[in-house]
Amino acid sequence: SAIGYGHTFEMFAKWDEFGKHPEFFS
């Protein structure tokens, strides 16, 4: 059993919430 599969930064980072913090991104 797994949570997620493969490319998951976006899944855990919750883009809407993290988007309030531009310094969290590249």
mmCIF file of all heavy atoms, coordinates in Angstrom:
data_MODEL
# 
_entry.id   MODEL 
# 
loop_
_atom_site.group_PDB 
_atom_site.id 
_atom_site.type_symbol 
_atom_site.label_atom_id 
_atom_site.label_alt_id 
_atom_site.label_comp_id 
_atom_site.label_asym_id 
_atom_site.label_entity_id 
_atom_site.label_seq_id 
_atom_site.pdbx_PDB_ins_code 
_atom_site.Cartn_x 
_atom_site.Cartn_y 
_atom_site.Cartn_z 
_atom_site.occupancy 
_atom_site.B_iso_or_equiv 
_atom_site.pdbx_formal_charge 
_atom_site.auth_seq_id 
_atom_site.auth_comp_id 
_atom_site.auth_asym_id 
_atom_site.auth_atom_id 
_atom_site.pdbx_PDB_model_num 
ATOM 1   N N   . SER A 1 1  ? 0.857  -1.185 0.000   1.00 0.00 ? 1  SER A N   1 
ATOM 2   C CA  . SER A 1 1  ? 0.000  0.000  0.000   1.00 0.00 ? 1  SER A CA  1 
ATOM 3   C C   . SER A 1 1  ? 0.893  1.235  0.000   1.00 0.00 ? 1  SER A C   1 
ATOM 4   O O   . SER A 1 1  ? 1.939  1.261  0.630   1.00 0.00 ? 1  SER A O   1 
ATOM 5   C CB  . SER A 1 1  ? -0.918 -0.001 1.220   1.00 0.00 ? 1  SER A CB  1 
ATOM 6   O OG  . SER A 1 1  ? -0.149 -0.015 2.411   1.00 0.00 ? 1  SER A OG  1 
ATOM 7   N N   . ALA A 1 2  ? 0.460  2.240  -0.731  1.00 0.00 ? 2  ALA A N   1 
ATOM 8   C CA  . ALA A 1 2  ? 1.272  3.447  -0.856  1.00 0.00 ? 2  ALA A CA  1 
ATOM 9   C C   . ALA A 1 2  ? 0.399  4.683  -0.876  1.00 0.00 ? 2  ALA A C   1 
ATOM 10  O O   . ALA A 1 2  ? -0.751 4.628  -1.279  1.00 0.00 ? 2  ALA A O   1 
ATOM 11  C CB  . ALA A 1 2  ? 2.096  3.389  -2.136  1.00 0.00 ? 2  ALA A CB  1 
ATOM 12  N N   . ILE A 1 3  ? 0.988  5.774  -0.449  1.00 0.00 ? 3  ILE A N   1 
ATOM 13  C CA  . ILE A 1 3  ? 0.368  7.072  -0.635  1.00 0.00 ? 3  ILE A CA  1 
ATOM 14  C C   . ILE A 1 3  ? 1.126  7.729  -1.775  1.00 0.00 ? 3  ILE A C   1 
ATOM 15  O O   . ILE A 1 3  ? 2.347  7.886  -1.717  1.00 0.00 ? 3  ILE A O   1 
ATOM 16  C CB  . ILE A 1 3  ? 0.429  7.931  0.633   1.00 0.00 ? 3  ILE A CB  1 
ATOM 17  C CG1 . ILE A 1 3  ? -0.419 7.294  1.734   1.00 0.00 ? 3  ILE A CG1 1 
ATOM 18  C CG2 . ILE A 1 3  ? -0.048 9.350  0.342   1.00 0.00 ? 3  ILE A CG2 1 
ATOM 19  C CD1 . ILE A 1 3  ? -0.407 8.032  3.046   1.00 0.00 ? 3  ILE A CD1 1 
ATOM 20  N N   . GLY A 1 4  ? 0.395  8.084  -2.794  1.00 0.00 ? 4  GLY A N   1 
ATOM 21  C CA  . GLY A 1 4  ? 0.997  8.710  -3.964  1.00 0.00 ? 4  GLY A CA  1 
ATOM 22  C C   . GLY A 1 4  ? 1.658  7.684  -4.866  1.00 0.00 ? 4  GLY A C   1 
ATOM 23  O O   . GLY A 1 4  ? 1.680  6.486  -4.578  1.00 0.00 ? 4  GLY A O   1 
ATOM 24  N N   . TYR A 1 5  ? 2.175  8.173  -5.972  1.00 0.00 ? 5  TYR A N   1 
ATOM 25  C CA  . TYR A 1 5  ? 2.933  7.334  -6.885  1.00 0.00 ? 5  TYR A CA  1 
ATOM 26  C C   . TYR A 1 5  ? 3.784  8.226  -7.755  1.00 0.00 ? 5  TYR A C   1 
ATOM 27  O O   . TYR A 1 5  ? 3.266  9.079  -8.467  1.00 0.00 ? 5  TYR A O   1 
ATOM 28  C CB  . TYR A 1 5  ? 2.006  6.470  -7.758  1.00 0.00 ? 5  TYR A CB  1 
ATOM 29  C CG  . TYR A 1 5  ? 2.786  5.591  -8.696  1.00 0.00 ? 5  TYR A CG  1 
ATOM 30  C CD1 . TYR A 1 5  ? 3.468  4.482  -8.224  1.00 0.00 ? 5  TYR A CD1 1 
ATOM 31  C CD2 . TYR A 1 5  ? 2.859  5.891  -10.044 1.00 0.00 ? 5  TYR A CD2 1 
ATOM 32  C CE1 . TYR A 1 5  ? 4.195  3.677  -9.077  1.00 0.00 ? 5  TYR A CE1 1 
ATOM 33  C CE2 . TYR A 1 5  ? 3.584  5.085  -10.912 1.00 0.00 ? 5  TYR A CE2 1 
ATOM 34  C CZ  . TYR A 1 5  ? 4.254  3.980  -10.412 1.00 0.00 ? 5  TYR A CZ  1 
ATOM 35  O OH  . TYR A 1 5  ? 4.981  3.190  -11.264 1.00 0.00 ? 5  TYR A OH  1 
ATOM 36  N N   . GLY A 1 6  ? 5.080  8.065  -7.659  1.00 0.00 ? 6  GLY A N   1 
ATOM 37  C CA  . GLY A 1 6  ? 5.975  8.818  -8.519  1.00 0.00 ? 6  GLY A CA  1 
ATOM 38  C C   . GLY A 1 6  ? 6.120  10.264 -8.093  1.00 0.00 ? 6  GLY A C   1 
ATOM 39  O O   . GLY A 1 6  ? 6.559  10.558 -6.994  1.00 0.00 ? 6  GLY A O   1 
ATOM 40  N N   . HIS A 1 7  ? 5.722  11.175 -8.924  1.00 0.00 ? 7  HIS A N   1 
ATOM 41  C CA  . HIS A 1 7  ? 5.969  12.609 -8.769  1.00 0.00 ? 7  HIS A CA  1 
ATOM 42  C C   . HIS A 1 7  ? 4.929  13.238 -7.834  1.00 0.00 ? 7  HIS A C   1 
ATOM 43  O O   . HIS A 1 7  ? 3.806  13.506 -8.243  1.00 0.00 ? 7  HIS A O   1 
ATOM 44  C CB  . HIS A 1 7  ? 5.935  13.270 -10.142 1.00 0.00 ? 7  HIS A CB  1 
ATOM 45  C CG  . HIS A 1 7  ? 6.779  12.554 -11.142 1.00 0.00 ? 7  HIS A CG  1 
ATOM 46  N ND1 . HIS A 1 7  ? 8.152  12.641 -11.140 1.00 0.00 ? 7  HIS A ND1 1 
ATOM 47  C CD2 . HIS A 1 7  ? 6.455  11.719 -12.163 1.00 0.00 ? 7  HIS A CD2 1 
ATOM 48  C CE1 . HIS A 1 7  ? 8.643  11.898 -12.125 1.00 0.00 ? 7  HIS A CE1 1 
ATOM 49  N NE2 . HIS A 1 7  ? 7.632  11.320 -12.756 1.00 0.00 ? 7  HIS A NE2 1 
ATOM 50  N N   . THR A 1 8  ? 5.326  13.501 -6.591  1.00 0.00 ? 8  THR A N   1 
ATOM 51  C CA  . THR A 1 8  ? 4.329  13.883 -5.584  1.00 0.00 ? 8  THR A CA  1 
ATOM 52  C C   . THR A 1 8  ? 4.563  15.221 -4.898  1.00 0.00 ? 8  THR A C   1 
ATOM 53  O O   . THR A 1 8  ? 3.815  15.560 -3.988  1.00 0.00 ? 8  THR A O   1 
ATOM 54  C CB  . THR A 1 8  ? 4.236  12.797 -4.498  1.00 0.00 ? 8  THR A CB  1 
ATOM 55  O OG1 . THR A 1 8  ? 5.524  12.656 -3.887  1.00 0.00 ? 8  THR A OG1 1 
ATOM 56  C CG2 . THR A 1 8  ? 3.746  11.484 -5.059  1.00 0.00 ? 8  THR A CG2 1 
ATOM 57  N N   . PHE A 1 9  ? 5.585  15.978 -5.290  1.00 0.00 ? 9  PHE A N   1 
ATOM 58  C CA  . PHE A 1 9  ? 5.771  17.278 -4.628  1.00 0.00 ? 9  PHE A CA  1 
ATOM 59  C C   . PHE A 1 9  ? 4.483  18.090 -4.655  1.00 0.00 ? 9  PHE A C   1 
ATOM 60  O O   . PHE A 1 9  ? 4.070  18.653 -3.642  1.00 0.00 ? 9  PHE A O   1 
ATOM 61  C CB  . PHE A 1 9  ? 6.874  18.082 -5.316  1.00 0.00 ? 9  PHE A CB  1 
ATOM 62  C CG  . PHE A 1 9  ? 8.274  17.750 -4.878  1.00 0.00 ? 9  PHE A CG  1 
ATOM 63  C CD1 . PHE A 1 9  ? 8.544  16.767 -3.946  1.00 0.00 ? 9  PHE A CD1 1 
ATOM 64  C CD2 . PHE A 1 9  ? 9.333  18.454 -5.414  1.00 0.00 ? 9  PHE A CD2 1 
ATOM 65  C CE1 . PHE A 1 9  ? 9.839  16.472 -3.555  1.00 0.00 ? 9  PHE A CE1 1 
ATOM 66  C CE2 . PHE A 1 9  ? 10.635 18.182 -5.032  1.00 0.00 ? 9  PHE A CE2 1 
ATOM 67  C CZ  . PHE A 1 9  ? 10.888 17.198 -4.104  1.00 0.00 ? 9  PHE A CZ  1 
ATOM 68  N N   . GLU A 1 10 ? 3.856  18.138 -5.811  1.00 0.00 ? 10 GLU A N   1 
ATOM 69  C CA  . GLU A 1 10 ? 2.642  18.946 -5.958  1.00 0.00 ? 10 GLU A CA  1 
ATOM 70  C C   . GLU A 1 10 ? 1.510  18.418 -5.069  1.00 0.00 ? 10 GLU A C   1 
ATOM 71  O O   . GLU A 1 10 ? 0.746  19.185 -4.496  1.00 0.00 ? 10 GLU A O   1 
ATOM 72  C CB  . GLU A 1 10 ? 2.205  18.963 -7.419  1.00 0.00 ? 10 GLU A CB  1 
ATOM 73  C CG  . GLU A 1 10 ? 1.102  19.924 -7.701  1.00 0.00 ? 10 GLU A CG  1 
ATOM 74  C CD  . GLU A 1 10 ? 0.834  20.068 -9.197  1.00 0.00 ? 10 GLU A CD  1 
ATOM 75  O OE1 . GLU A 1 10 ? 1.511  19.426 -10.021 1.00 0.00 ? 10 GLU A OE1 1 
ATOM 76  O OE2 . GLU A 1 10 ? -0.080 20.820 -9.526  1.00 0.00 ? 10 GLU A OE2 1 
ATOM 77  N N   . MET A 1 11 ? 1.420  17.103 -4.922  1.00 0.00 ? 11 MET A N   1 
ATOM 78  C CA  . MET A 1 11 ? 0.368  16.504 -4.111  1.00 0.00 ? 11 MET A CA  1 
ATOM 79  C C   . MET A 1 11 ? 0.502  16.917 -2.638  1.00 0.00 ? 11 MET A C   1 
ATOM 80  O O   . MET A 1 11 ? -0.468 17.302 -1.992  1.00 0.00 ? 11 MET A O   1 
ATOM 81  C CB  . MET A 1 11 ? 0.431  14.977 -4.225  1.00 0.00 ? 11 MET A CB  1 
ATOM 82  C CG  . MET A 1 11 ? -0.610 14.257 -3.401  1.00 0.00 ? 11 MET A CG  1 
ATOM 83  S SD  . MET A 1 11 ? -0.458 12.470 -3.594  1.00 0.00 ? 11 MET A SD  1 
ATOM 84  C CE  . MET A 1 11 ? 0.156  12.046 -1.988  1.00 0.00 ? 11 MET A CE  1 
ATOM 85  N N   . PHE A 1 12 ? 1.716  16.839 -2.102  1.00 0.00 ? 12 PHE A N   1 
ATOM 86  C CA  . PHE A 1 12 ? 1.913  17.160 -0.688  1.00 0.00 ? 12 PHE A CA  1 
ATOM 87  C C   . PHE A 1 12 ? 2.040  18.655 -0.429  1.00 0.00 ? 12 PHE A C   1 
ATOM 88  O O   . PHE A 1 12 ? 1.704  19.131 0.644   1.00 0.00 ? 12 PHE A O   1 
ATOM 89  C CB  . PHE A 1 12 ? 3.146  16.438 -0.142  1.00 0.00 ? 12 PHE A CB  1 
ATOM 90  C CG  . PHE A 1 12 ? 2.945  14.971 0.030   1.00 0.00 ? 12 PHE A CG  1 
ATOM 91  C CD1 . PHE A 1 12 ? 3.637  14.070 -0.756  1.00 0.00 ? 12 PHE A CD1 1 
ATOM 92  C CD2 . PHE A 1 12 ? 2.053  14.483 0.965   1.00 0.00 ? 12 PHE A CD2 1 
ATOM 93  C CE1 . PHE A 1 12 ? 3.457  12.702 -0.604  1.00 0.00 ? 12 PHE A CE1 1 
ATOM 94  C CE2 . PHE A 1 12 ? 1.851  13.123 1.131   1.00 0.00 ? 12 PHE A CE2 1 
ATOM 95  C CZ  . PHE A 1 12 ? 2.557  12.228 0.339   1.00 0.00 ? 12 PHE A CZ  1 
ATOM 96  N N   . ALA A 1 13 ? 2.543  19.395 -1.401  1.00 0.00 ? 13 ALA A N   1 
ATOM 97  C CA  . ALA A 1 13 ? 2.763  20.824 -1.189  1.00 0.00 ? 13 ALA A CA  1 
ATOM 98  C C   . ALA A 1 13 ? 1.471  21.631 -1.251  1.00 0.00 ? 13 ALA A C   1 
ATOM 99  O O   . ALA A 1 13 ? 1.467  22.789 -0.858  1.00 0.00 ? 13 ALA A O   1 
ATOM 100 C CB  . ALA A 1 13 ? 3.768  21.365 -2.201  1.00 0.00 ? 13 ALA A CB  1 
ATOM 101 N N   . LYS A 1 14 ? 0.382  21.040 -1.721  1.00 0.00 ? 14 LYS A N   1 
ATOM 102 C CA  . LYS A 1 14 ? -0.894 21.754 -1.799  1.00 0.00 ? 14 LYS A CA  1 
ATOM 103 C C   . LYS A 1 14 ? -0.672 23.126 -2.430  1.00 0.00 ? 14 LYS A C   1 
ATOM 104 O O   . LYS A 1 14 ? -0.621 24.137 -1.750  1.00 0.00 ? 14 LYS A O   1 
ATOM 105 C CB  . LYS A 1 14 ? -1.518 21.903 -0.419  1.00 0.00 ? 14 LYS A CB  1 
ATOM 106 C CG  . LYS A 1 14 ? -1.806 20.611 0.285   1.00 0.00 ? 14 LYS A CG  1 
ATOM 107 C CD  . LYS A 1 14 ? -2.387 20.907 1.658   1.00 0.00 ? 14 LYS A CD  1 
ATOM 108 C CE  . LYS A 1 14 ? -2.458 19.656 2.477   1.00 0.00 ? 14 LYS A CE  1 
ATOM 109 N NZ  . LYS A 1 14 ? -2.823 19.921 3.854   1.00 0.00 ? 14 LYS A NZ  1 
ATOM 110 N N   . TRP A 1 15 ? -0.499 23.132 -3.728  1.00 0.00 ? 15 TRP A N   1 
ATOM 111 C CA  . TRP A 1 15 ? -0.119 24.344 -4.459  1.00 0.00 ? 15 TRP A CA  1 
ATOM 112 C C   . TRP A 1 15 ? -0.894 25.577 -4.020  1.00 0.00 ? 15 TRP A C   1 
ATOM 113 O O   . TRP A 1 15 ? -0.327 26.660 -3.920  1.00 0.00 ? 15 TRP A O   1 
ATOM 114 C CB  . TRP A 1 15 ? -0.301 24.129 -5.947  1.00 0.00 ? 15 TRP A CB  1 
ATOM 115 C CG  . TRP A 1 15 ? 0.885  23.666 -6.752  1.00 0.00 ? 15 TRP A CG  1 
ATOM 116 C CD1 . TRP A 1 15 ? 0.933  23.670 -8.109  1.00 0.00 ? 15 TRP A CD1 1 
ATOM 117 C CD2 . TRP A 1 15 ? 2.147  23.166 -6.336  1.00 0.00 ? 15 TRP A CD2 1 
ATOM 118 N NE1 . TRP A 1 15 ? 2.140  23.181 -8.553  1.00 0.00 ? 15 TRP A NE1 1 
ATOM 119 C CE2 . TRP A 1 15 ? 2.912  22.864 -7.475  1.00 0.00 ? 15 TRP A CE2 1 
ATOM 120 C CE3 . TRP A 1 15 ? 2.732  22.927 -5.093  1.00 0.00 ? 15 TRP A CE3 1 
ATOM 121 C CZ2 . TRP A 1 15 ? 4.207  22.364 -7.436  1.00 0.00 ? 15 TRP A CZ2 1 
ATOM 122 C CZ3 . TRP A 1 15 ? 4.023  22.409 -5.042  1.00 0.00 ? 15 TRP A CZ3 1 
ATOM 123 C CH2 . TRP A 1 15 ? 4.728  22.139 -6.194  1.00 0.00 ? 15 TRP A CH2 1 
ATOM 124 N N   . ASP A 1 16 ? -2.185 25.455 -3.753  1.00 0.00 ? 16 ASP A N   1 
ATOM 125 C CA  . ASP A 1 16 ? -2.958 26.635 -3.348  1.00 0.00 ? 16 ASP A CA  1 
ATOM 126 C C   . ASP A 1 16 ? -2.415 27.226 -2.042  1.00 0.00 ? 16 ASP A C   1 
ATOM 127 O O   . ASP A 1 16 ? -2.247 28.440 -1.926  1.00 0.00 ? 16 ASP A O   1 
ATOM 128 C CB  . ASP A 1 16 ? -4.433 26.291 -3.173  1.00 0.00 ? 16 ASP A CB  1 
ATOM 129 C CG  . ASP A 1 16 ? -5.124 25.995 -4.491  1.00 0.00 ? 16 ASP A CG  1 
ATOM 130 O OD1 . ASP A 1 16 ? -4.561 26.353 -5.548  1.00 0.00 ? 16 ASP A OD1 1 
ATOM 131 O OD2 . ASP A 1 16 ? -6.214 25.410 -4.467  1.00 0.00 ? 16 ASP A OD2 1 
ATOM 132 N N   . GLU A 1 17 ? -2.162 26.381 -1.076  1.00 0.00 ? 17 GLU A N   1 
ATOM 133 C CA  . GLU A 1 17 ? -1.666 26.848 0.224   1.00 0.00 ? 17 GLU A CA  1 
ATOM 134 C C   . GLU A 1 17 ? -0.210 27.299 0.138   1.00 0.00 ? 17 GLU A C   1 
ATOM 135 O O   . GLU A 1 17 ? 0.154  28.366 0.619   1.00 0.00 ? 17 GLU A O   1 
ATOM 136 C CB  . GLU A 1 17 ? -1.823 25.728 1.259   1.00 0.00 ? 17 GLU A CB  1 
ATOM 137 C CG  . GLU A 1 17 ? -1.572 26.152 2.676   1.00 0.00 ? 17 GLU A CG  1 
ATOM 138 C CD  . GLU A 1 17 ? -2.561 27.190 3.188   1.00 0.00 ? 17 GLU A CD  1 
ATOM 139 O OE1 . GLU A 1 17 ? -3.727 27.188 2.761   1.00 0.00 ? 17 GLU A OE1 1 
ATOM 140 O OE2 . GLU A 1 17 ? -2.151 28.020 4.011   1.00 0.00 ? 17 GLU A OE2 1 
ATOM 141 N N   . PHE A 1 18 ? 0.634  26.480 -0.478  1.00 0.00 ? 18 PHE A N   1 
ATOM 142 C CA  . PHE A 1 18 ? 2.051  26.834 -0.597  1.00 0.00 ? 18 PHE A CA  1 
ATOM 143 C C   . PHE A 1 18 ? 2.237  28.052 -1.498  1.00 0.00 ? 18 PHE A C   1 
ATOM 144 O O   . PHE A 1 18 ? 3.211  28.771 -1.369  1.00 0.00 ? 18 PHE A O   1 
ATOM 145 C CB  . PHE A 1 18 ? 2.853  25.649 -1.143  1.00 0.00 ? 18 PHE A CB  1 
ATOM 146 C CG  . PHE A 1 18 ? 3.315  24.668 -0.103  1.00 0.00 ? 18 PHE A CG  1 
ATOM 147 C CD1 . PHE A 1 18 ? 2.452  24.214 0.891   1.00 0.00 ? 18 PHE A CD1 1 
ATOM 148 C CD2 . PHE A 1 18 ? 4.598  24.176 -0.127  1.00 0.00 ? 18 PHE A CD2 1 
ATOM 149 C CE1 . PHE A 1 18 ? 2.868  23.312 1.838   1.00 0.00 ? 18 PHE A CE1 1 
ATOM 150 C CE2 . PHE A 1 18 ? 5.030  23.264 0.822   1.00 0.00 ? 18 PHE A CE2 1 
ATOM 151 C CZ  . PHE A 1 18 ? 4.167  22.827 1.813   1.00 0.00 ? 18 PHE A CZ  1 
ATOM 152 N N   . GLY A 1 19 ? 1.299  28.267 -2.413  1.00 0.00 ? 19 GLY A N   1 
ATOM 153 C CA  . GLY A 1 19 ? 1.384  29.394 -3.334  1.00 0.00 ? 19 GLY A CA  1 
ATOM 154 C C   . GLY A 1 19 ? 1.419  30.748 -2.648  1.00 0.00 ? 19 GLY A C   1 
ATOM 155 O O   . GLY A 1 19 ? 1.838  31.745 -3.235  1.00 0.00 ? 19 GLY A O   1 
ATOM 156 N N   . LYS A 1 20 ? 0.998  30.795 -1.392  1.00 0.00 ? 20 LYS A N   1 
ATOM 157 C CA  . LYS A 1 20 ? 1.057  32.034 -0.611  1.00 0.00 ? 20 LYS A CA  1 
ATOM 158 C C   . LYS A 1 20 ? 2.497  32.360 -0.203  1.00 0.00 ? 20 LYS A C   1 
ATOM 159 O O   . LYS A 1 20 ? 2.756  33.425 0.343   1.00 0.00 ? 20 LYS A O   1 
ATOM 160 C CB  . LYS A 1 20 ? 0.179  31.908 0.633   1.00 0.00 ? 20 LYS A CB  1 
ATOM 161 C CG  . LYS A 1 20 ? -1.296 31.707 0.318   1.00 0.00 ? 20 LYS A CG  1 
ATOM 162 C CD  . LYS A 1 20 ? -2.082 31.402 1.575   1.00 0.00 ? 20 LYS A CD  1 
ATOM 163 C CE  . LYS A 1 20 ? -3.520 31.041 1.224   1.00 0.00 ? 20 LYS A CE  1 
ATOM 164 N NZ  . LYS A 1 20 ? -4.253 30.560 2.399   1.00 0.00 ? 20 LYS A NZ  1 
ATOM 165 N N   . HIS A 1 21 ? 3.402  31.413 -0.458  1.00 0.00 ? 21 HIS A N   1 
ATOM 166 C CA  . HIS A 1 21 ? 4.803  31.556 -0.067  1.00 0.00 ? 21 HIS A CA  1 
ATOM 167 C C   . HIS A 1 21 ? 5.703  31.324 -1.284  1.00 0.00 ? 21 HIS A C   1 
ATOM 168 O O   . HIS A 1 21 ? 6.212  30.218 -1.481  1.00 0.00 ? 21 HIS A O   1 
ATOM 169 C CB  . HIS A 1 21 ? 5.153  30.538 1.030   1.00 0.00 ? 21 HIS A CB  1 
ATOM 170 C CG  . HIS A 1 21 ? 4.321  30.668 2.253   1.00 0.00 ? 21 HIS A CG  1 
ATOM 171 N ND1 . HIS A 1 21 ? 4.593  31.577 3.240   1.00 0.00 ? 21 HIS A ND1 1 
ATOM 172 C CD2 . HIS A 1 21 ? 3.201  30.008 2.640   1.00 0.00 ? 21 HIS A CD2 1 
ATOM 173 C CE1 . HIS A 1 21 ? 3.679  31.474 4.195   1.00 0.00 ? 21 HIS A CE1 1 
ATOM 174 N NE2 . HIS A 1 21 ? 2.821  30.532 3.851   1.00 0.00 ? 21 HIS A NE2 1 
ATOM 175 N N   . PRO A 1 22 ? 5.929  32.344 -2.091  1.00 0.00 ? 22 PRO A N   1 
ATOM 176 C CA  . PRO A 1 22 ? 6.756  32.160 -3.293  1.00 0.00 ? 22 PRO A CA  1 
ATOM 177 C C   . PRO A 1 22 ? 8.147  31.605 -2.979  1.00 0.00 ? 22 PRO A C   1 
ATOM 178 O O   . PRO A 1 22 ? 8.727  30.896 -3.792  1.00 0.00 ? 22 PRO A O   1 
ATOM 179 C CB  . PRO A 1 22 ? 6.854  33.560 -3.888  1.00 0.00 ? 22 PRO A CB  1 
ATOM 180 C CG  . PRO A 1 22 ? 5.902  34.420 -3.166  1.00 0.00 ? 22 PRO A CG  1 
ATOM 181 C CD  . PRO A 1 22 ? 5.440  33.700 -1.949  1.00 0.00 ? 22 PRO A CD  1 
ATOM 182 N N   . GLU A 1 23 ? 8.652  31.895 -1.780  1.00 0.00 ? 23 GLU A N   1 
ATOM 183 C CA  . GLU A 1 23 ? 9.979  31.404 -1.392  1.00 0.00 ? 23 GLU A CA  1 
ATOM 184 C C   . GLU A 1 23 ? 10.030 29.886 -1.229  1.00 0.00 ? 23 GLU A C   1 
ATOM 185 O O   . GLU A 1 23 ? 11.100 29.301 -1.111  1.00 0.00 ? 23 GLU A O   1 
ATOM 186 C CB  . GLU A 1 23 ? 10.441 32.102 -0.101  1.00 0.00 ? 23 GLU A CB  1 
ATOM 187 C CG  . GLU A 1 23 ? 9.673  31.720 1.145   1.00 0.00 ? 23 GLU A CG  1 
ATOM 188 C CD  . GLU A 1 23 ? 8.344  32.458 1.360   1.00 0.00 ? 23 GLU A CD  1 
ATOM 189 O OE1 . GLU A 1 23 ? 7.864  33.172 0.454   1.00 0.00 ? 23 GLU A OE1 1 
ATOM 190 O OE2 . GLU A 1 23 ? 7.772  32.304 2.470   1.00 0.00 ? 23 GLU A OE2 1 
ATOM 191 N N   . PHE A 1 24 ? 8.880  29.225 -1.225  1.00 0.00 ? 24 PHE A N   1 
ATOM 192 C CA  . PHE A 1 24 ? 8.833  27.764 -1.133  1.00 0.00 ? 24 PHE A CA  1 
ATOM 193 C C   . PHE A 1 24 ? 9.137  27.099 -2.479  1.00 0.00 ? 24 PHE A C   1 
ATOM 194 O O   . PHE A 1 24 ? 9.301  25.886 -2.543  1.00 0.00 ? 24 PHE A O   1 
ATOM 195 C CB  . PHE A 1 24 ? 7.458  27.294 -0.672  1.00 0.00 ? 24 PHE A CB  1 
ATOM 196 C CG  . PHE A 1 24 ? 7.167  27.518 0.798   1.00 0.00 ? 24 PHE A CG  1 
ATOM 197 C CD1 . PHE A 1 24 ? 8.008  28.231 1.637   1.00 0.00 ? 24 PHE A CD1 1 
ATOM 198 C CD2 . PHE A 1 24 ? 6.003  27.006 1.346   1.00 0.00 ? 24 PHE A CD2 1 
ATOM 199 C CE1 . PHE A 1 24 ? 7.715  28.430 2.971   1.00 0.00 ? 24 PHE A CE1 1 
ATOM 200 C CE2 . PHE A 1 24 ? 5.696  27.187 2.694   1.00 0.00 ? 24 PHE A CE2 1 
ATOM 201 C CZ  . PHE A 1 24 ? 6.551  27.895 3.503   1.00 0.00 ? 24 PHE A CZ  1 
ATOM 202 N N   . PHE A 1 25 ? 9.197  27.882 -3.552  1.00 0.00 ? 25 PHE A N   1 
ATOM 203 C CA  . PHE A 1 25 ? 9.329  27.324 -4.897  1.00 0.00 ? 25 PHE A CA  1 
ATOM 204 C C   . PHE A 1 25 ? 10.660 27.686 -5.538  1.00 0.00 ? 25 PHE A C   1 
ATOM 205 O O   . PHE A 1 25 ? 11.389 28.555 -5.062  1.00 0.00 ? 25 PHE A O   1 
ATOM 206 C CB  . PHE A 1 25 ? 8.170  27.803 -5.765  1.00 0.00 ? 25 PHE A CB  1 
ATOM 207 C CG  . PHE A 1 25 ? 6.832  27.348 -5.262  1.00 0.00 ? 25 PHE A CG  1 
ATOM 208 C CD1 . PHE A 1 25 ? 6.023  28.200 -4.539  1.00 0.00 ? 25 PHE A CD1 1 
ATOM 209 C CD2 . PHE A 1 25 ? 6.406  26.046 -5.483  1.00 0.00 ? 25 PHE A CD2 1 
ATOM 210 C CE1 . PHE A 1 25 ? 4.797  27.768 -4.048  1.00 0.00 ? 25 PHE A CE1 1 
ATOM 211 C CE2 . PHE A 1 25 ? 5.181  25.613 -4.993  1.00 0.00 ? 25 PHE A CE2 1 
ATOM 212 C CZ  . PHE A 1 25 ? 4.373  26.474 -4.270  1.00 0.00 ? 25 PHE A CZ  1 
ATOM 213 N N   . SER A 1 26 ? 10.937 27.041 -6.637  1.00 0.00 ? 26 SER A N   1 
ATOM 214 C CA  . SER A 1 26 ? 12.195 27.209 -7.357  1.00 0.00 ? 26 SER A CA  1 
ATOM 215 C C   . SER A 1 26 ? 12.457 28.651 -7.748  1.00 0.00 ? 26 SER A C   1 
ATOM 216 O O   . SER A 1 26 ? 11.558 29.357 -8.205  1.00 0.00 ? 26 SER A O   1 
ATOM 217 C CB  . SER A 1 26 ? 12.179 26.382 -8.647  1.00 0.00 ? 26 SER A CB  1 
ATOM 218 O OG  . SER A 1 26 ? 12.156 25.016 -8.371  1.00 0.00 ? 26 SER A OG  1 
# 
